[in-house]
Amino acid sequence: MIKNFSFWSICLVIIGLFLAIEPFSSLNLPLITNWYGVFVGAILYLIGFVLSLFAIVRQEKGVTKYISLISMFFALYCVVTLLINIGRI
């Protein structure tokens, strides 16, 4: 089924980030302009992160598994910034 966890992790992370950020951008795609797109994107992003951990445990070759892992710091920064800004409103 899934042979290369690092490839699927980077794909899911990219798709998840796109879906999570798209409602806040100027693209206004009609299918994902609501909060469901944000939730689906966050779930796909987390699945990609877990697949990256599986790739590290399996000791797959390449550095793509680390790209998904490093992107988690970016996501945590965005969530903390969002919570700080919501707290100020």
Protein backbone atom coordinates (compact mmCIF):
# COMPACT_ATOMS: atom_id res chain seq x y z
CA MET A 1 0.00 0.00 0.00
CA ILE A 2 2.29 2.77 1.21
CA LYS A 3 5.91 2.02 0.44
CA ASN A 4 7.54 5.39 0.75
CA PHE A 5 6.29 7.22 3.84
CA SER A 6 8.49 10.25 3.25
CA PHE A 7 6.95 10.94 -0.18
CA TRP A 8 3.40 10.69 1.13
CA SER A 9 4.23 12.78 4.18
CA ILE A 10 5.50 15.69 2.11
CA CYS A 11 2.50 15.44 -0.25
CA LEU A 12 -0.01 15.48 2.63
CA VAL A 13 1.79 18.33 4.38
CA ILE A 14 1.69 20.48 1.23
CA ILE A 15 -1.98 19.69 0.53
CA GLY A 16 -2.88 20.22 4.19
CA LEU A 17 -1.15 23.59 4.34
CA PHE A 18 -2.86 24.69 1.13
CA LEU A 19 -6.30 23.70 2.39
CA ALA A 20 -5.74 25.26 5.81
CA ILE A 21 -4.45 28.59 4.47
CA GLU A 22 -6.67 28.93 1.37
CA PRO A 23 -9.79 30.38 3.09
CA PHE A 24 -7.65 33.28 4.29
CA SER A 25 -6.11 33.98 0.86
CA SER A 26 -7.46 35.87 -2.11
CA LEU A 27 -8.02 32.77 -4.29
CA ASN A 28 -11.59 32.21 -3.03
CA LEU A 29 -12.04 28.72 -4.44
CA PRO A 30 -15.76 27.87 -4.11
CA LEU A 31 -15.32 24.40 -2.62
CA ILE A 32 -13.06 25.16 0.32
CA THR A 33 -13.78 28.73 1.40
CA ASN A 34 -15.37 27.71 4.69
CA TRP A 35 -13.97 26.41 7.96
CA TYR A 36 -14.31 22.78 6.86
CA GLY A 37 -11.37 23.32 4.54
CA VAL A 38 -9.29 24.50 7.49
CA PHE A 39 -10.19 21.42 9.54
CA VAL A 40 -9.59 19.00 6.66
CA GLY A 41 -6.29 20.73 5.92
CA ALA A 42 -5.22 20.47 9.56
CA ILE A 43 -6.08 16.77 9.66
CA LEU A 44 -4.17 16.08 6.43
CA TYR A 45 -1.23 18.05 7.79
CA LEU A 46 -1.17 16.01 10.99
CA ILE A 47 -1.39 12.74 9.02
CA GLY A 48 1.58 13.91 6.95
CA PHE A 49 3.49 14.68 10.14
CA VAL A 50 2.77 11.18 11.52
CA LEU A 51 3.90 9.61 8.23
CA SER A 52 7.11 11.59 8.53
CA LEU A 53 7.67 10.06 11.97
CA PHE A 54 7.05 6.59 10.48
CA ALA A 55 9.65 7.34 7.79
CA ILE A 56 12.18 8.31 10.45
CA VAL A 57 11.48 5.14 12.44
CA ARG A 58 11.85 3.01 9.29
CA GLN A 59 15.13 4.87 8.50
CA GLU A 60 14.17 5.69 4.92
CA LYS A 61 16.77 7.28 2.70
CA GLY A 62 16.57 10.96 1.78
CA VAL A 63 15.81 14.24 3.48
CA THR A 64 12.14 14.67 2.57
CA LYS A 65 11.09 13.08 5.85
CA TYR A 66 12.82 15.91 7.70
CA ILE A 67 11.08 18.62 5.65
CA SER A 68 7.71 17.51 7.00
CA LEU A 69 9.14 17.37 10.49
CA ILE A 70 10.62 20.88 10.26
CA SER A 71 7.34 22.26 8.92
CA MET A 72 5.73 21.37 12.25
CA PHE A 73 7.61 24.26 13.85
CA PHE A 74 6.08 26.58 11.25
CA ALA A 75 2.61 25.25 12.06
CA LEU A 76 3.13 25.66 15.80
CA TYR A 77 4.32 29.23 15.25
CA CYS A 78 1.17 30.00 13.22
CA VAL A 79 -1.13 28.50 15.86
CA VAL A 80 0.57 30.38 18.72
CA THR A 81 0.43 33.63 16.75
CA LEU A 82 -3.25 33.05 15.98
CA LEU A 83 -4.05 32.38 19.64
CA ILE A 84 -2.17 35.49 20.73
CA ASN A 85 -4.03 37.64 18.22
CA ILE A 86 -7.42 36.16 19.12
CA GLY A 87 -6.69 36.83 22.78
CA ARG A 88 -6.18 40.52 22.03
CA ILE A 89 -9.55 41.00 20.33
